[in-house]
């Protein structure tokens, strides 16, 4: 490939052309890297501006989960007597139905 472009590698003219060609390639790669770095920087600033909002939403979700957990743990303590009352009523109802069916 280089032989076709630069048949005489040892002449000053071809070395200058080769260096110019390589410099242009490196300049284009540096320009691409610059664009990538700028995109990464823009994305980081966007994420940093959104971070407090995400933190607030996360804190709100954690507080909701904590409230739900406390509510669930308090349910058996609050409504135990109601469950027993419903169980007694259901058993009496079942007893009377069976009693009247048998009689």
N, C-alpha and C. Protein backbone atom coordinates (compact mmCIF):
# COMPACT_ATOMS: atom_id res chain seq x y z
N UNK A 1 0.83 -1.19 0.00
CA UNK A 1 0.00 0.00 0.00
C UNK A 1 0.87 1.25 0.00
N UNK A 2 1.84 1.27 0.87
CA UNK A 2 2.73 2.41 0.92
C UNK A 2 3.63 2.43 -0.31
N UNK A 3 3.97 1.26 -0.79
CA UNK A 3 4.84 1.19 -1.97
C UNK A 3 4.16 1.82 -3.17
N UNK A 4 2.84 1.67 -3.30
CA UNK A 4 2.13 2.26 -4.43
C UNK A 4 2.05 3.77 -4.32
N UNK A 5 1.85 4.25 -3.12
CA UNK A 5 1.74 5.70 -2.92
C UNK A 5 3.10 6.37 -2.94
N UNK A 6 4.05 5.73 -2.32
CA UNK A 6 5.37 6.31 -2.16
C UNK A 6 6.43 5.32 -2.66
N UNK A 7 6.74 5.36 -3.96
CA UNK A 7 7.65 4.35 -4.49
C UNK A 7 9.07 4.47 -3.94
N UNK A 8 9.50 5.66 -3.66
CA UNK A 8 10.86 5.83 -3.14
C UNK A 8 10.75 6.39 -1.73
N UNK A 9 10.81 5.51 -0.73
CA UNK A 9 10.61 5.94 0.65
C UNK A 9 11.77 6.77 1.16
N UNK A 10 12.88 6.74 0.51
CA UNK A 10 14.05 7.41 1.06
C UNK A 10 14.25 8.81 0.52
N UNK A 11 13.42 9.24 -0.38
CA UNK A 11 13.58 10.62 -0.86
C UNK A 11 12.87 11.58 0.08
N UNK A 12 13.33 12.79 0.10
CA UNK A 12 12.79 13.79 1.01
C UNK A 12 11.35 14.13 0.64
N UNK A 13 11.05 14.16 -0.62
CA UNK A 13 9.71 14.52 -1.09
C UNK A 13 8.69 13.50 -0.61
N UNK A 14 8.97 12.22 -0.76
CA UNK A 14 8.01 11.20 -0.35
C UNK A 14 7.88 11.14 1.16
N UNK A 15 8.96 11.37 1.88
CA UNK A 15 8.86 11.40 3.34
C UNK A 15 7.99 12.55 3.81
N UNK A 16 8.11 13.70 3.16
CA UNK A 16 7.25 14.84 3.52
C UNK A 16 5.79 14.53 3.22
N UNK A 17 5.53 13.90 2.07
CA UNK A 17 4.15 13.53 1.73
C UNK A 17 3.60 12.50 2.73
N UNK A 18 4.45 11.53 3.08
CA UNK A 18 4.03 10.51 4.04
C UNK A 18 3.71 11.13 5.40
N UNK A 19 4.57 12.04 5.84
CA UNK A 19 4.32 12.71 7.12
C UNK A 19 3.06 13.57 7.06
N UNK A 20 2.85 14.23 5.94
CA UNK A 20 1.65 15.05 5.77
C UNK A 20 0.40 14.16 5.79
N UNK A 21 0.47 13.03 5.11
CA UNK A 21 -0.65 12.10 5.06
C UNK A 21 -0.96 11.55 6.46
N UNK A 22 0.07 11.13 7.18
CA UNK A 22 -0.11 10.61 8.53
C UNK A 22 -0.63 11.70 9.48
N UNK A 23 -0.15 12.93 9.31
CA UNK A 23 -0.62 14.04 10.14
C UNK A 23 -2.10 14.31 9.90
N UNK A 24 -2.52 14.24 8.66
CA UNK A 24 -3.94 14.43 8.34
C UNK A 24 -4.79 13.32 8.97
N UNK A 25 -4.29 12.08 8.90
CA UNK A 25 -5.03 10.98 9.52
C UNK A 25 -5.15 11.17 11.03
N UNK A 26 -4.04 11.55 11.64
CA UNK A 26 -4.07 11.77 13.09
C UNK A 26 -4.95 12.95 13.46
N UNK A 27 -4.95 14.00 12.65
CA UNK A 27 -5.82 15.14 12.92
C UNK A 27 -7.29 14.75 12.84
N UNK A 28 -7.63 13.90 11.86
CA UNK A 28 -9.03 13.47 11.77
C UNK A 28 -9.42 12.61 12.97
N UNK A 29 -8.50 11.75 13.41
CA UNK A 29 -8.79 10.92 14.59
C UNK A 29 -8.91 11.77 15.85
N UNK A 30 -8.07 12.79 15.98
CA UNK A 30 -8.16 13.70 17.12
C UNK A 30 -9.49 14.45 17.09
N UNK A 31 -9.92 14.86 15.90
CA UNK A 31 -11.21 15.56 15.79
C UNK A 31 -12.36 14.64 16.21
N UNK A 32 -12.32 13.36 15.80
CA UNK A 32 -13.35 12.41 16.21
C UNK A 32 -13.35 12.22 17.72
N UNK A 33 -12.16 12.09 18.29
CA UNK A 33 -12.06 11.93 19.75
C UNK A 33 -12.58 13.16 20.48
N UNK A 34 -12.31 14.34 19.91
CA UNK A 34 -12.83 15.58 20.52
C UNK A 34 -14.34 15.57 20.53
N UNK A 35 -14.96 15.14 19.43
CA UNK A 35 -16.41 15.09 19.36
C UNK A 35 -16.96 14.11 20.40
N UNK A 36 -16.29 12.98 20.55
CA UNK A 36 -16.75 12.00 21.54
C UNK A 36 -16.62 12.55 22.95
N UNK A 37 -15.52 13.24 23.23
CA UNK A 37 -15.32 13.82 24.56
C UNK A 37 -16.37 14.89 24.83
N UNK A 38 -16.71 15.68 23.83
CA UNK A 38 -17.72 16.72 24.01
C UNK A 38 -19.08 16.08 24.27
N UNK A 39 -19.41 15.00 23.55
CA UNK A 39 -20.68 14.32 23.78
C UNK A 39 -20.74 13.72 25.18
N UNK A 40 -19.64 13.13 25.62
CA UNK A 40 -19.59 12.57 26.97
C UNK A 40 -19.76 13.67 28.01
N UNK A 41 -19.10 14.79 27.79
CA UNK A 41 -19.21 15.91 28.73
C UNK A 41 -20.64 16.44 28.78
N UNK A 42 -21.29 16.57 27.62
CA UNK A 42 -22.68 17.03 27.60
C UNK A 42 -23.59 16.05 28.33
N UNK A 43 -23.37 14.77 28.12
CA UNK A 43 -24.19 13.76 28.79
C UNK A 43 -23.98 13.80 30.30
N UNK A 44 -22.74 14.00 30.73
CA UNK A 44 -22.47 14.07 32.17
C UNK A 44 -23.13 15.29 32.80
N UNK A 45 -23.08 16.43 32.14
CA UNK A 45 -23.74 17.61 32.70
C UNK A 45 -25.25 17.43 32.75
N UNK A 46 -25.80 16.78 31.73
CA UNK A 46 -27.24 16.51 31.73
C UNK A 46 -27.61 15.59 32.88
N UNK A 47 -26.83 14.54 33.09
CA UNK A 47 -27.11 13.62 34.19
C UNK A 47 -26.90 14.28 35.54
N UNK A 48 -25.92 15.16 35.66
CA UNK A 48 -25.69 15.85 36.93
C UNK A 48 -26.82 16.81 37.25
N UNK A 49 -27.43 17.42 36.23
CA UNK A 49 -28.57 18.30 36.50
C UNK A 49 -29.80 17.50 36.89
N UNK A 50 -29.94 16.27 36.35
CA UNK A 50 -31.10 15.44 36.67
C UNK A 50 -30.93 14.67 37.98
N UNK A 51 -29.72 14.60 38.49
CA UNK A 51 -29.45 13.79 39.67
C UNK A 51 -30.26 14.22 40.91
N UNK A 52 -30.39 15.51 41.24
CA UNK A 52 -31.21 15.86 42.42
C UNK A 52 -32.67 15.43 42.28
N UNK A 53 -33.21 15.51 41.07
CA UNK A 53 -34.59 15.08 40.87
C UNK A 53 -34.73 13.57 41.09
N UNK A 54 -33.76 12.81 40.57
CA UNK A 54 -33.79 11.36 40.77
C UNK A 54 -33.64 11.03 42.25
N UNK A 55 -32.79 11.77 42.96
CA UNK A 55 -32.59 11.53 44.39
C UNK A 55 -33.88 11.80 45.15
N UNK A 56 -34.58 12.87 44.78
CA UNK A 56 -35.84 13.19 45.45
C UNK A 56 -36.88 12.10 45.19
N UNK A 57 -36.96 11.61 43.95
CA UNK A 57 -37.90 10.54 43.63
C UNK A 57 -37.55 9.26 44.38
N UNK A 58 -36.26 8.97 44.49
CA UNK A 58 -35.81 7.78 45.21
C UNK A 58 -36.15 7.88 46.69
N UNK A 59 -35.92 9.05 47.29
CA UNK A 59 -36.26 9.24 48.70
C UNK A 59 -37.76 9.10 48.93
N UNK A 60 -38.56 9.63 48.00
CA UNK A 60 -40.01 9.52 48.11
C UNK A 60 -40.44 8.05 48.04
N UNK A 61 -39.85 7.29 47.13
CA UNK A 61 -40.19 5.87 47.00
C UNK A 61 -39.80 5.11 48.27
N UNK A 62 -38.66 5.43 48.83
CA UNK A 62 -38.23 4.75 50.06
C UNK A 62 -39.17 5.09 51.22
N UNK A 63 -39.61 6.34 51.29
CA UNK A 63 -40.55 6.69 52.37
C UNK A 63 -41.89 5.99 52.19
N UNK A 64 -42.34 5.86 50.95
CA UNK A 64 -43.60 5.14 50.69
C UNK A 64 -43.47 3.67 51.08
N UNK A 65 -42.34 3.08 50.76
CA UNK A 65 -42.11 1.67 51.12
C UNK A 65 -42.07 1.52 52.64
N UNK A 66 -41.44 2.46 53.32
CA UNK A 66 -41.39 2.41 54.78
C UNK A 66 -42.77 2.53 55.41
N UNK A 67 -43.60 3.44 54.86
CA UNK A 67 -44.96 3.58 55.37
C UNK A 67 -45.77 2.31 55.13
N UNK A 68 -45.62 1.71 53.96
CA UNK A 68 -46.36 0.48 53.66
C UNK A 68 -45.90 -0.65 54.58
N UNK A 69 -44.60 -0.72 54.84
CA UNK A 69 -44.08 -1.77 55.73
C UNK A 69 -44.62 -1.59 57.14
N UNK A 70 -44.63 -0.34 57.64
CA UNK A 70 -45.18 -0.10 58.99
C UNK A 70 -46.66 -0.44 59.04
N UNK A 71 -47.39 -0.09 57.99
CA UNK A 71 -48.82 -0.39 57.96
C UNK A 71 -49.06 -1.90 57.98
N UNK A 72 -48.26 -2.63 57.22
CA UNK A 72 -48.42 -4.09 57.17
C UNK A 72 -48.08 -4.73 58.51
N UNK A 73 -47.05 -4.22 59.16
CA UNK A 73 -46.69 -4.80 60.46
C UNK A 73 -47.71 -4.45 61.54
N UNK A 74 -48.43 -3.35 61.39
CA UNK A 74 -49.44 -2.97 62.39
C UNK A 74 -50.79 -3.63 62.16
N UNK A 75 -51.02 -4.17 60.97
CA UNK A 75 -52.31 -4.79 60.68
C UNK A 75 -52.68 -5.92 61.64
N UNK A 76 -51.81 -6.87 61.88
CA UNK A 76 -52.21 -7.95 62.81
C UNK A 76 -52.46 -7.45 64.22
N UNK A 77 -51.77 -6.42 64.64
CA UNK A 77 -51.97 -5.90 65.99
C UNK A 77 -53.30 -5.18 66.11
N UNK A 78 -53.72 -4.49 65.08
CA UNK A 78 -54.95 -3.71 65.15
C UNK A 78 -56.21 -4.54 64.99
N UNK A 79 -56.22 -5.43 64.01
CA UNK A 79 -57.46 -6.08 63.59
C UNK A 79 -57.55 -7.55 63.98
N UNK A 80 -56.82 -7.97 64.96
CA UNK A 80 -56.87 -9.37 65.37
C UNK A 80 -58.24 -9.73 65.92
N UNK A 81 -58.81 -8.85 66.71
CA UNK A 81 -60.11 -9.15 67.31
C UNK A 81 -61.20 -9.24 66.25
N UNK A 82 -61.08 -8.47 65.17
CA UNK A 82 -62.08 -8.53 64.10
C UNK A 82 -62.01 -9.88 63.38
N UNK A 83 -60.82 -10.36 63.17
CA UNK A 83 -60.67 -11.65 62.50
C UNK A 83 -61.32 -12.76 63.34
N UNK A 84 -61.05 -12.73 64.63
CA UNK A 84 -61.67 -13.74 65.50
C UNK A 84 -63.18 -13.61 65.53
N UNK A 85 -63.68 -12.38 65.54
CA UNK A 85 -65.13 -12.16 65.53
C UNK A 85 -65.75 -12.69 64.25
N UNK A 86 -65.14 -12.41 63.11
CA UNK A 86 -65.66 -12.93 61.84
C UNK A 86 -65.59 -14.45 61.80
N UNK A 87 -64.55 -15.02 62.36
CA UNK A 87 -64.43 -16.47 62.40
C UNK A 87 -65.53 -17.09 63.26
N UNK A 88 -65.84 -16.47 64.38
CA UNK A 88 -66.92 -16.97 65.24
C UNK A 88 -68.26 -16.86 64.54
N UNK A 89 -68.52 -15.70 63.90
CA UNK A 89 -69.79 -15.54 63.17
C UNK A 89 -69.92 -16.55 62.04
N UNK A 90 -68.84 -16.78 61.31
CA UNK A 90 -68.88 -17.75 60.21
C UNK A 90 -69.13 -19.15 60.73
N UNK A 91 -68.48 -19.51 61.82
CA UNK A 91 -68.69 -20.86 62.36
C UNK A 91 -70.12 -21.02 62.89
N UNK A 92 -70.68 -19.98 63.52
CA UNK A 92 -72.08 -20.05 63.98
C UNK A 92 -73.03 -20.15 62.79
N UNK A 93 -72.77 -19.37 61.76
CA UNK A 93 -73.60 -19.42 60.56
C UNK A 93 -73.55 -20.81 59.93
N UNK A 94 -72.35 -21.36 59.81
CA UNK A 94 -72.20 -22.71 59.25
C UNK A 94 -72.90 -23.74 60.13
N UNK A 95 -72.77 -23.60 61.43
CA UNK A 95 -73.42 -24.53 62.35
C UNK A 95 -74.93 -24.50 62.19
N UNK A 96 -75.51 -23.28 62.12
CA UNK A 96 -76.98 -23.18 61.99
C UNK A 96 -77.46 -23.70 60.65
N UNK A 97 -76.71 -23.48 59.60
CA UNK A 97 -77.12 -24.00 58.29
C UNK A 97 -77.11 -25.52 58.31
N UNK A 98 -76.05 -26.11 58.83
CA UNK A 98 -75.98 -27.57 58.91
C UNK A 98 -77.07 -28.11 59.85
N UNK A 99 -77.31 -27.40 60.93
CA UNK A 99 -78.31 -27.82 61.91
C UNK A 99 -79.70 -27.83 61.27
N UNK A 100 -80.05 -26.77 60.50
CA UNK A 100 -81.36 -26.70 59.88
C UNK A 100 -81.48 -27.68 58.71
N UNK A 101 -80.39 -27.95 58.05
CA UNK A 101 -80.44 -28.94 56.95
C UNK A 101 -80.63 -30.35 57.48
N UNK A 102 -80.03 -30.64 58.61
CA UNK A 102 -80.15 -31.96 59.20
C UNK A 102 -81.53 -32.16 59.79
N UNK A 103 -82.06 -31.14 60.39
CA UNK A 103 -83.36 -31.24 61.05
C UNK A 103 -84.47 -31.17 60.07
